[in-house]
C-alpha atoms as a PDB file:
ATOM      1  CA  MET A   1    -106.381 -81.015 -35.143  1.00  0.00           C
ATOM      2  CA  SER A   2    -109.582 -82.722 -36.067  1.00  0.00           C
ATOM      3  CA  TYR A   3    -112.865 -83.679 -34.598  1.00  0.00           C
ATOM      4  CA  ASN A   4    -115.727 -85.465 -36.281  1.00  0.00           C
ATOM      5  CA  CYS A   5    -119.073 -83.962 -35.391  1.00  0.00           C
ATOM      6  CA  PRO A   6    -122.086 -85.961 -36.595  1.00  0.00           C
ATOM      7  CA  VAL A   7    -125.178 -83.977 -37.496  1.00  0.00           C
ATOM      8  CA  SER A   8    -127.418 -86.667 -38.950  1.00  0.00           C
ATOM      9  CA  THR A   9    -130.328 -84.362 -39.839  1.00  0.00           C
ATOM     10  CA  MET A  10    -128.190 -81.880 -41.722  1.00  0.00           C
ATOM     11  CA  SER A  11    -128.627 -81.545 -45.506  1.00  0.00           C
ATOM     12  CA  ILE A  12    -125.745 -79.605 -46.985  1.00  0.00           C
ATOM     13  CA  HIS A  13    -124.518 -78.877 -50.503  1.00  0.00           C
ATOM     14  CA  ILE A  14    -122.762 -76.287 -52.651  1.00  0.00           C
ATOM     15  CA  ASP A  15    -124.905 -75.041 -55.529  1.00  0.00           C
ATOM     16  CA  SER A  16    -123.779 -73.902 -58.992  1.00  0.00           C
ATOM     17  CA  SER A  17    -123.502 -70.303 -57.715  1.00  0.00           C
ATOM     18  CA  SER A  18    -120.898 -71.390 -55.138  1.00  0.00           C
ATOM     19  CA  ARG A  19    -123.321 -70.910 -52.245  1.00  0.00           C
ATOM     20  CA  LEU A  20    -123.280 -73.286 -49.292  1.00  0.00           C
ATOM     21  CA  ILE A  21    -126.844 -74.440 -48.604  1.00  0.00           C
ATOM     22  CA  ASN A  22    -127.258 -75.882 -45.118  1.00  0.00           C
ATOM     23  CA  SER A  23    -130.675 -76.828 -43.726  1.00  0.00           C
ATOM     24  CA  GLN A  24    -129.366 -76.376 -40.158  1.00  0.00           C
ATOM     25  CA  GLU A  25    -127.461 -73.127 -40.720  1.00  0.00           C
ATOM     26  CA  LYS A  26    -129.504 -71.109 -38.211  1.00  0.00           C
ATOM     27  CA  THR A  27    -128.819 -73.591 -35.414  1.00  0.00           C
ATOM     28  CA  LEU A  28    -125.188 -74.443 -36.179  1.00  0.00           C
ATOM     29  CA  ALA A  29    -123.126 -73.592 -33.086  1.00  0.00           C
ATOM     30  CA  LEU A  30    -119.628 -74.596 -31.997  1.00  0.00           C
ATOM     31  CA  THR A  31    -117.194 -73.917 -29.191  1.00  0.00           C
ATOM     32  CA  CYS A  32    -114.995 -71.251 -30.747  1.00  0.00           C
ATOM     33  CA  PRO A  33    -111.285 -72.198 -30.528  1.00  0.00           C
ATOM     34  CA  HIS A  34    -110.422 -68.509 -30.138  1.00  0.00           C
ATOM     35  CA  CYS A  35    -112.877 -67.023 -27.611  1.00  0.00           C
ATOM     36  CA  GLN A  36    -113.912 -70.365 -26.010  1.00  0.00           C
ATOM     37  CA  VAL A  37    -117.593 -69.381 -26.288  1.00  0.00           C
ATOM     38  CA  VAL A  38    -120.295 -71.712 -27.606  1.00  0.00           C
ATOM     39  CA  ALA A  39    -121.567 -69.492 -30.388  1.00  0.00           C
ATOM     40  CA  HIS A  40    -123.418 -69.587 -33.685  1.00  0.00           C
ATOM     41  CA  VAL A  41    -121.147 -69.613 -36.741  1.00  0.00           C
ATOM     42  CA  SER A  42    -121.823 -68.054 -40.135  1.00  0.00           C
ATOM     43  CA  VAL A  43    -120.408 -68.973 -43.537  1.00  0.00           C
ATOM     44  CA  SER A  44    -117.567 -66.666 -44.546  1.00  0.00           C
ATOM     45  CA  ALA A  45    -115.906 -68.300 -47.580  1.00  0.00           C
ATOM     46  CA  VAL A  46    -116.806 -71.252 -49.832  1.00  0.00           C
ATOM     47  CA  PRO A  47    -114.671 -72.784 -52.633  1.00  0.00           C
ATOM     48  CA  ARG A  48    -115.794 -71.941 -56.185  1.00  0.00           C
ATOM     49  CA  PHE A  49    -118.187 -74.492 -57.680  1.00  0.00           C
ATOM     50  CA  GLU A  50    -116.288 -74.540 -60.990  1.00  0.00           C
ATOM     51  CA  ASP A  51    -112.940 -75.220 -59.272  1.00  0.00           C
ATOM     52  CA  LEU A  52    -114.401 -78.084 -57.275  1.00  0.00           C
ATOM     53  CA  GLN A  53    -116.005 -79.638 -60.355  1.00  0.00           C
ATOM     54  CA  THR A  54    -112.675 -79.430 -62.178  1.00  0.00           C
ATOM     55  CA  CYS A  55    -110.451 -80.821 -59.410  1.00  0.00           C
ATOM     56  CA  ARG A  56    -113.055 -83.000 -57.658  1.00  0.00           C
ATOM     57  CA  PRO A  57    -111.337 -83.255 -54.281  1.00  0.00           C
ATOM     58  CA  SER A  58    -112.649 -85.851 -51.844  1.00  0.00           C
ATOM     59  CA  GLN A  59    -112.878 -83.200 -49.100  1.00  0.00           C
ATOM     60  CA  VAL A  60    -113.928 -79.548 -49.127  1.00  0.00           C
ATOM     61  CA  GLY A  61    -112.877 -76.801 -46.718  1.00  0.00           C
ATOM     62  CA  VAL A  62    -115.271 -74.033 -45.689  1.00  0.00           C
ATOM     63  CA  VAL A  63    -114.416 -70.934 -43.639  1.00  0.00           C
ATOM     64  CA  TYR A  64    -116.979 -69.924 -41.021  1.00  0.00           C
ATOM     65  CA  ARG A  65    -117.031 -66.852 -38.759  1.00  0.00           C
ATOM     66  CA  CYS A  66    -117.677 -66.958 -35.031  1.00  0.00           C
ATOM     67  CA  ASP A  67    -120.599 -64.644 -34.316  1.00  0.00           C
ATOM     68  CA  ALA A  68    -119.192 -63.902 -30.851  1.00  0.00           C
ATOM     69  CA  CYS A  69    -115.627 -62.820 -31.663  1.00  0.00           C
ATOM     70  CA  HIS A  70    -115.715 -62.791 -35.505  1.00  0.00           C
ATOM     71  CA  ALA A  71    -112.621 -64.994 -35.757  1.00  0.00           C
ATOM     72  CA  PRO A  72    -112.382 -67.492 -38.652  1.00  0.00           C
ATOM     73  CA  ILE A  73    -113.225 -71.145 -37.983  1.00  0.00           C
ATOM     74  CA  PHE A  74    -112.232 -73.784 -40.520  1.00  0.00           C
ATOM     75  CA  LEU A  75    -114.442 -76.831 -41.108  1.00  0.00           C
ATOM     76  CA  ARG A  76    -113.749 -79.700 -43.477  1.00  0.00           C
ATOM     77  CA  PHE A  77    -116.500 -81.743 -45.179  1.00  0.00           C
ATOM     78  CA  THR A  78    -116.309 -84.996 -47.114  1.00  0.00           C
ATOM     79  CA  VAL A  79    -117.861 -84.874 -50.582  1.00  0.00           C
ATOM     80  CA  ARG A  80    -120.646 -87.374 -51.172  1.00  0.00           C
ATOM     81  CA  ILE A  81    -121.675 -86.693 -54.760  1.00  0.00           C
ATOM     82  CA  TYR A  82    -120.550 -84.449 -57.621  1.00  0.00           C
ATOM     83  CA  ALA A  83    -123.756 -83.716 -59.527  1.00  0.00           C
ATOM     84  CA  ALA A  84    -124.254 -81.435 -62.526  1.00  0.00           C
ATOM     85  CA  SER A  85    -125.692 -78.510 -60.570  1.00  0.00           C
ATOM     86  CA  ARG A  86    -124.710 -79.237 -56.956  1.00  0.00           C
ATOM     87  CA  ILE A  87    -122.048 -80.856 -54.817  1.00  0.00           C
ATOM     88  CA  GLU A  88    -123.476 -82.918 -51.972  1.00  0.00           C
ATOM     89  CA  LEU A  89    -121.462 -82.885 -48.753  1.00  0.00           C
ATOM     90  CA  SER A  90    -121.471 -85.297 -45.842  1.00  0.00           C
ATOM     91  CA  PRO A  91    -123.470 -84.172 -42.762  1.00  0.00           C
ATOM     92  CA  GLN A  92    -120.336 -84.882 -40.716  1.00  0.00           C
ATOM     93  CA  PHE A  93    -117.662 -82.222 -40.550  1.00  0.00           C
ATOM     94  CA  THR A  94    -114.208 -81.923 -39.035  1.00  0.00           C
ATOM     95  CA  GLU A  95    -113.165 -78.982 -36.914  1.00  0.00           C
ATOM     96  CA  VAL A  96    -109.654 -78.275 -38.147  1.00  0.00           C
ATOM     97  CA  GLU A  97    -108.928 -76.107 -35.110  1.00  0.00           C
ATOM     98  CA  ARG A  98    -110.493 -76.978 -31.776  1.00  0.00           C
ATOM     99  CA  ALA A  99    -110.849 -75.199 -28.467  1.00  0.00           C
ATOM    100  CA  ARG A 100    -108.504 -76.530 -25.813  1.00  0.00           C
ATOM    101  CA  GLU A 101    -110.132 -78.635 -23.128  1.00  0.00           C
ATOM    102  CA  LYS A 102    -110.275 -77.044 -19.670  1.00  0.00           C
ATOM    103  CA  PHE A 103    -109.758 -78.625 -16.280  1.00  0.00           C
ATOM    104  CA  SER A 104    -108.985 -77.355 -12.769  1.00  0.00           C
ATOM    105  CA  PHE A 105    -105.422 -78.526 -12.090  1.00  0.00           C
ATOM    106  CA  THR A 106    -105.081 -76.650  -8.775  1.00  0.00           C
ATOM    107  CA  TYR A 107    -105.477 -79.684  -6.541  1.00  0.00           C
ATOM    108  CA  LEU A 108    -103.647 -82.295  -8.622  1.00  0.00           C
ATOM    109  CA  PRO A 109    -100.183 -83.606  -7.676  1.00  0.00           C
ATOM    110  CA  GLU A 110     -97.442 -82.261  -9.933  1.00  0.00           C
ATOM    111  CA  GLU A 111     -96.851 -85.498 -11.864  1.00  0.00           C
ATOM    112  CA  VAL A 112    -100.561 -86.157 -12.393  1.00  0.00           C
ATOM    113  CA  GLU A 113    -101.039 -82.570 -13.585  1.00  0.00           C
ATOM    114  CA  LEU A 114     -98.154 -82.853 -16.073  1.00  0.00           C
ATOM    115  CA  LEU A 115     -99.370 -86.121 -17.552  1.00  0.00           C
ATOM    116  CA  PHE A 116    -103.020 -85.089 -17.823  1.00  0.00           C
ATOM    117  CA  LYS A 117    -102.076 -81.790 -19.459  1.00  0.00           C
ATOM    118  CA  GLU A 118    -100.229 -83.774 -22.112  1.00  0.00           C
ATOM    119  CA  ALA A 119    -103.250 -86.055 -22.461  1.00  0.00           C
ATOM    120  CA  LEU A 120    -105.448 -83.000 -23.127  1.00  0.00           C
ATOM    121  CA  THR A 121    -102.936 -81.748 -25.689  1.00  0.00           C
ATOM    122  CA  CYS A 122    -103.185 -85.082 -27.520  1.00  0.00           C
ATOM    123  CA  PHE A 123    -106.978 -84.938 -27.397  1.00  0.00           C
ATOM    124  CA  SER A 124    -107.113 -81.395 -28.764  1.00  0.00           C
ATOM    125  CA  ALA A 125    -104.795 -82.454 -31.589  1.00  0.00           C
ATOM    126  CA  GLY A 126    -107.122 -85.313 -32.519  1.00  0.00           C
ATOM    127  CA  ALA A 127    -104.475 -87.896 -31.598  1.00  0.00           C
ATOM    128  CA  CYS A 128    -106.994 -90.239 -29.988  1.00  0.00           C
ATOM    129  CA  ASN A 129    -104.687 -93.180 -29.358  1.00  0.00           C
ATOM    130  CA  ALA A 130    -101.863 -91.017 -28.020  1.00  0.00           C
ATOM    131  CA  PHE A 131    -104.537 -89.568 -25.727  1.00  0.00           C
ATOM    132  CA  ALA A 132    -105.477 -93.083 -24.573  1.00  0.00           C
ATOM    133  CA  SER A 133    -101.821 -93.854 -23.801  1.00  0.00           C
ATOM    134  CA  MET A 134    -101.468 -90.656 -21.779  1.00  0.00           C
ATOM    135  CA  CYS A 135    -104.676 -91.508 -19.894  1.00  0.00           C
ATOM    136  CA  ARG A 136    -103.051 -94.822 -18.921  1.00  0.00           C
ATOM    137  CA  ARG A 137     -99.947 -93.012 -17.668  1.00  0.00           C
ATOM    138  CA  THR A 138    -102.061 -90.471 -15.795  1.00  0.00           C
ATOM    139  CA  ALA A 139    -104.057 -93.244 -14.117  1.00  0.00           C
ATOM    140  CA  GLN A 140    -100.877 -95.040 -13.094  1.00  0.00           C
ATOM    141  CA  ALA A 141     -99.541 -91.853 -11.519  1.00  0.00           C
ATOM    142  CA  VAL A 142    -102.836 -91.415  -9.634  1.00  0.00           C
ATOM    143  CA  PHE A 143    -102.748 -94.984  -8.322  1.00  0.00           C
ATOM    144  CA  ALA A 144     -99.121 -94.583  -7.251  1.00  0.00           C
ATOM    145  CA  ASP A 145    -100.111 -91.461  -5.311  1.00  0.00           C
ATOM    146  CA  LEU A 146    -103.321 -92.786  -3.726  1.00  0.00           C
ATOM    147  CA  GLY A 147    -102.285 -96.401  -3.136  1.00  0.00           C
ATOM    148  CA  GLU A 148    -104.339 -99.554  -3.534  1.00  0.00           C
ATOM    149  CA  ALA A 149    -107.242 -98.209  -1.481  1.00  0.00           C
ATOM    150  CA  GLY A 150    -107.488 -95.202  -3.786  1.00  0.00           C
ATOM    151  CA  ARG A 151    -107.288 -97.439  -6.843  1.00  0.00           C
ATOM    152  CA  LEU A 152    -110.190 -99.560  -5.605  1.00  0.00           C
ATOM    153  CA  ARG A 153    -112.208 -96.451  -4.775  1.00  0.00           C
ATOM    154  CA  LEU A 154    -111.732 -95.090  -8.296  1.00  0.00           C
ATOM    155  CA  PHE A 155    -112.657 -98.443  -9.805  1.00  0.00           C
ATOM    156  CA  ASP A 156    -115.926 -98.239  -7.864  1.00  0.00           C
ATOM    157  CA  GLU A 157    -116.341 -94.711  -9.242  1.00  0.00           C
ATOM    158  CA  LEU A 158    -115.847 -96.033 -12.786  1.00  0.00           C
ATOM    159  CA  ASN A 159    -118.598 -98.588 -12.189  1.00  0.00           C
ATOM    160  CA  GLU A 160    -120.857 -95.802 -10.961  1.00  0.00           C
ATOM    161  CA  VAL A 161    -120.090 -93.767 -14.084  1.00  0.00           C
ATOM    162  CA  ARG A 162    -120.985 -96.824 -16.137  1.00  0.00           C
ATOM    163  CA  GLU A 163    -124.459 -96.837 -14.644  1.00  0.00           C
ATOM    164  CA  LEU A 164    -124.987 -93.074 -14.663  1.00  0.00           C
ATOM    165  CA  ALA A 165    -123.878 -92.652 -18.284  1.00  0.00           C
ATOM    166  CA  ALA A 166    -125.378 -95.959 -19.455  1.00  0.00           C
ATOM    167  CA  LEU A 167    -122.087 -97.013 -21.034  1.00  0.00           C
ATOM    168  CA  SER A 168    -122.189-100.076 -23.246  1.00  0.00           C
ATOM    169  CA  ALA A 169    -120.349-103.208 -22.158  1.00  0.00           C
ATOM    170  CA  ASP A 170    -117.795-102.735 -24.947  1.00  0.00           C
ATOM    171  CA  THR A 171    -117.106 -99.103 -24.044  1.00  0.00           C
ATOM    172  CA  PHE A 172    -116.760 -99.954 -20.361  1.00  0.00           C
ATOM    173  CA  ALA A 173    -114.343-102.776 -21.187  1.00  0.00           C
ATOM    174  CA  ARG A 174    -112.197-100.382 -23.238  1.00  0.00           C
ATOM    175  CA  LEU A 175    -112.122 -97.784 -20.466  1.00  0.00           C
ATOM    176  CA  LYS A 176    -111.305-100.428 -17.869  1.00  0.00           C
ATOM    177  CA  SER A 177    -108.449-101.732 -20.012  1.00  0.00           C
ATOM    178  CA  ILE A 178    -107.052 -98.235 -20.622  1.00  0.00           C
ATOM    179  CA  LEU A 179    -107.214 -96.978 -17.042  1.00  0.00           C
ATOM    180  CA  PHE A 180    -106.808-100.095 -14.929  1.00  0.00           C
ATOM    181  CA  GLY A 181    -104.460-102.198 -17.048  1.00  0.00           C
ATOM    182  CA  THR A 182    -101.537-103.617 -15.143  1.00  0.00           C
ATOM    183  CA  ALA A 183     -98.518-101.366 -14.842  1.00  0.00           C
ATOM    184  CA  ALA A 184     -96.251-104.445 -14.812  1.00  0.00           C
ATOM    185  CA  ASP A 185     -96.891-105.122 -18.507  1.00  0.00           C
ATOM    186  CA  PRO A 186     -93.997-103.533 -20.448  1.00  0.00           C
ATOM    187  CA  HIS A 187     -96.173-103.447 -23.582  1.00  0.00           C
ATOM    188  CA  PRO A 188     -99.672-102.660 -22.308  1.00  0.00           C
ATOM    189  CA  ASN A 189    -102.538-103.599 -24.585  1.00  0.00           C
ATOM    190  CA  ILE A 190    -104.282-100.226 -24.840  1.00  0.00           C
ATOM    191  CA  PRO A 191    -107.386-100.408 -27.055  1.00  0.00           C
ATOM    192  CA  LEU A 192    -107.568 -98.192 -30.131  1.00  0.00           C
ATOM    193  CA  LEU A 193    -110.095 -95.356 -29.856  1.00  0.00           C
ATOM    194  CA  ASP A 194    -112.011 -93.297 -32.372  1.00  0.00           C
ATOM    195  CA  GLY A 195    -113.029 -89.671 -31.776  1.00  0.00           C
ATOM    196  CA  HIS A 196    -116.308 -90.549 -30.074  1.00  0.00           C
ATOM    197  CA  GLU A 197    -114.716 -93.081 -27.720  1.00  0.00           C
ATOM    198  CA  ALA A 198    -111.901 -90.657 -26.909  1.00  0.00           C
ATOM    199  CA  GLY A 199    -114.521 -88.065 -25.953  1.00  0.00           C
ATOM    200  CA  ILE A 200    -116.111 -90.547 -23.557  1.00  0.00           C
ATOM    201  CA  ALA A 201    -112.711 -91.427 -22.092  1.00  0.00           C
ATOM    202  CA  LEU A 202    -111.999 -87.728 -21.577  1.00  0.00           C
ATOM    203  CA  GLU A 203    -115.184 -87.160 -19.580  1.00  0.00           C
ATOM    204  CA  VAL A 204    -114.495 -90.265 -17.490  1.00  0.00           C
ATOM    205  CA  MET A 205    -110.946 -89.093 -16.753  1.00  0.00           C
ATOM    206  CA  LYS A 206    -112.229 -85.678 -15.703  1.00  0.00           C
ATOM    207  CA  ASP A 207    -114.761 -87.300 -13.383  1.00  0.00           C
ATOM    208  CA  LEU A 208    -112.214 -89.651 -11.796  1.00  0.00           C
ATOM    209  CA  LEU A 209    -109.681 -86.873 -11.221  1.00  0.00           C
ATOM    210  CA  TYR A 210    -112.379 -84.649  -9.786  1.00  0.00           C
ATOM    211  CA  GLU A 211    -113.365 -87.355  -7.316  1.00  0.00           C
ATOM    212  CA  ALA A 212    -109.752 -88.206  -6.499  1.00  0.00           C
ATOM    213  CA  TYR A 213    -108.448 -84.677  -5.900  1.00  0.00           C
ATOM    214  CA  VAL A 214    -110.570 -81.683  -6.893  1.00  0.00           C
ATOM    215  CA  ARG A 215    -113.637 -82.385  -4.766  1.00  0.00           C
ATOM    216  CA  LYS A 216    -111.558 -82.966  -1.631  1.00  0.00           C
ATOM    217  CA  GLY A 217    -109.384 -79.928  -2.331  1.00  0.00           C
ATOM    218  CA  LYS A 218    -112.349 -77.613  -2.822  1.00  0.00           C
ATOM    219  CA  LEU A 219    -114.024 -78.847   0.355  1.00  0.00           C
ATOM    220  CA  GLN A 220    -110.872 -78.382   2.399  1.00  0.00           C
ATOM    221  CA  GLN A 221    -110.342 -74.901   0.981  1.00  0.00           C
ATOM    222  CA  ALA A 222    -113.952 -73.935   1.725  1.00  0.00           C
ATOM    223  CA  MET A 223    -113.595 -75.150   5.309  1.00  0.00           C
ATOM    224  CA  LEU A 224    -110.364 -73.170   5.797  1.00  0.00           C
ATOM    225  CA  VAL A 225    -112.009 -70.010   4.488  1.00  0.00           C
ATOM    226  CA  ARG A 226    -114.978 -70.443   6.825  1.00  0.00           C
ATOM    227  CA  ARG A 227    -112.678 -71.080   9.783  1.00  0.00           C
ATOM    228  CA  PHE A 228    -110.649 -67.980   8.936  1.00  0.00           C
ATOM    229  CA  PHE A 229    -113.714 -65.719   8.841  1.00  0.00           C
ATOM    230  CA  LEU A 230    -115.078 -67.275  12.032  1.00  0.00           C
ATOM    231  CA  GLU A 231    -111.809 -66.590  13.862  1.00  0.00           C
ATOM    232  CA  GLU A 232    -111.704 -63.042  12.486  1.00  0.00           C
ATOM    233  CA  THR A 233    -115.262 -62.441  13.653  1.00  0.00           C
ATOM    234  CA  GLN A 234    -114.541 -63.785  17.152  1.00  0.00           C
ATOM    235  CA  THR A 235    -111.391 -61.662  17.406  1.00  0.00           C
ATOM    236  CA  ASN A 236    -113.284 -58.489  16.524  1.00  0.00           C
ATOM    237  CA  ILE A 237    -116.140 -59.066  18.985  1.00  0.00           C
ATOM    238  CA  THR A 238    -115.705 -56.963  22.139  1.00  0.00           C
ATOM    239  CA  PRO A 239    -116.163 -59.125  25.284  1.00  0.00           C
ATOM    240  CA  LEU A 240    -119.138 -58.050  27.398  1.00  0.00           C
ATOM    241  CA  SER A 241    -116.988 -57.994  30.512  1.00  0.00           C
ATOM    242  CA  SER A 242    -114.757 -55.278  29.102  1.00  0.00           C
ATOM    243  CA  ALA A 243    -117.642 -53.073  28.016  1.00  0.00           C
ATOM    244  CA  GLY A 244    -117.910 -49.815  29.969  1.00  0.00           C
END
């Protein structure tokens, strides 16, 4: 599982004493894949400087520790420069193990739930294009369930998301192609996505499914609960006419 996380202001290197020097160490926080908490992480283990200089790998792995649950978190950095007294690392790192994405599946139809769960599994594994394909299948299942009126309503929702999130024309075109491509095409042209674009597609999918099912389900449940308590209250009130 991988995830590229850009931190453009970060300056990071391993010095000749095998210490990891990170200008943003005090503010480095991640969603822990073990306890699911957004927590600060601390360096736990760094490869030996001498071993790196000898082997000169293109990538370096560093073990961090979650300050919330103390579990190990593995990050991978690309090496920029091997210098005499320091090894410069890229400010971008890859989370080798990521927290699973969460979503409320309670109100989703069985087929939609199954497909979107598999889409989330692909996303968590860093399989961005498999994720895009599963998003297409999820959308097709939604449209089959809601009909053409539901499809048009969700397309309007996608346009609203475009404005709210200020999506670029290219990103919007990719999302439109992924989610609203014709189901009649036996070989659908699903655009290739990188990690950043997959993250955007994930948030859009969550929003569309929330609007299609979760919002309505929560409202209906809330109304049923209120009706239940109202009926219970009325049942327990003693009529004035029967009072002694």
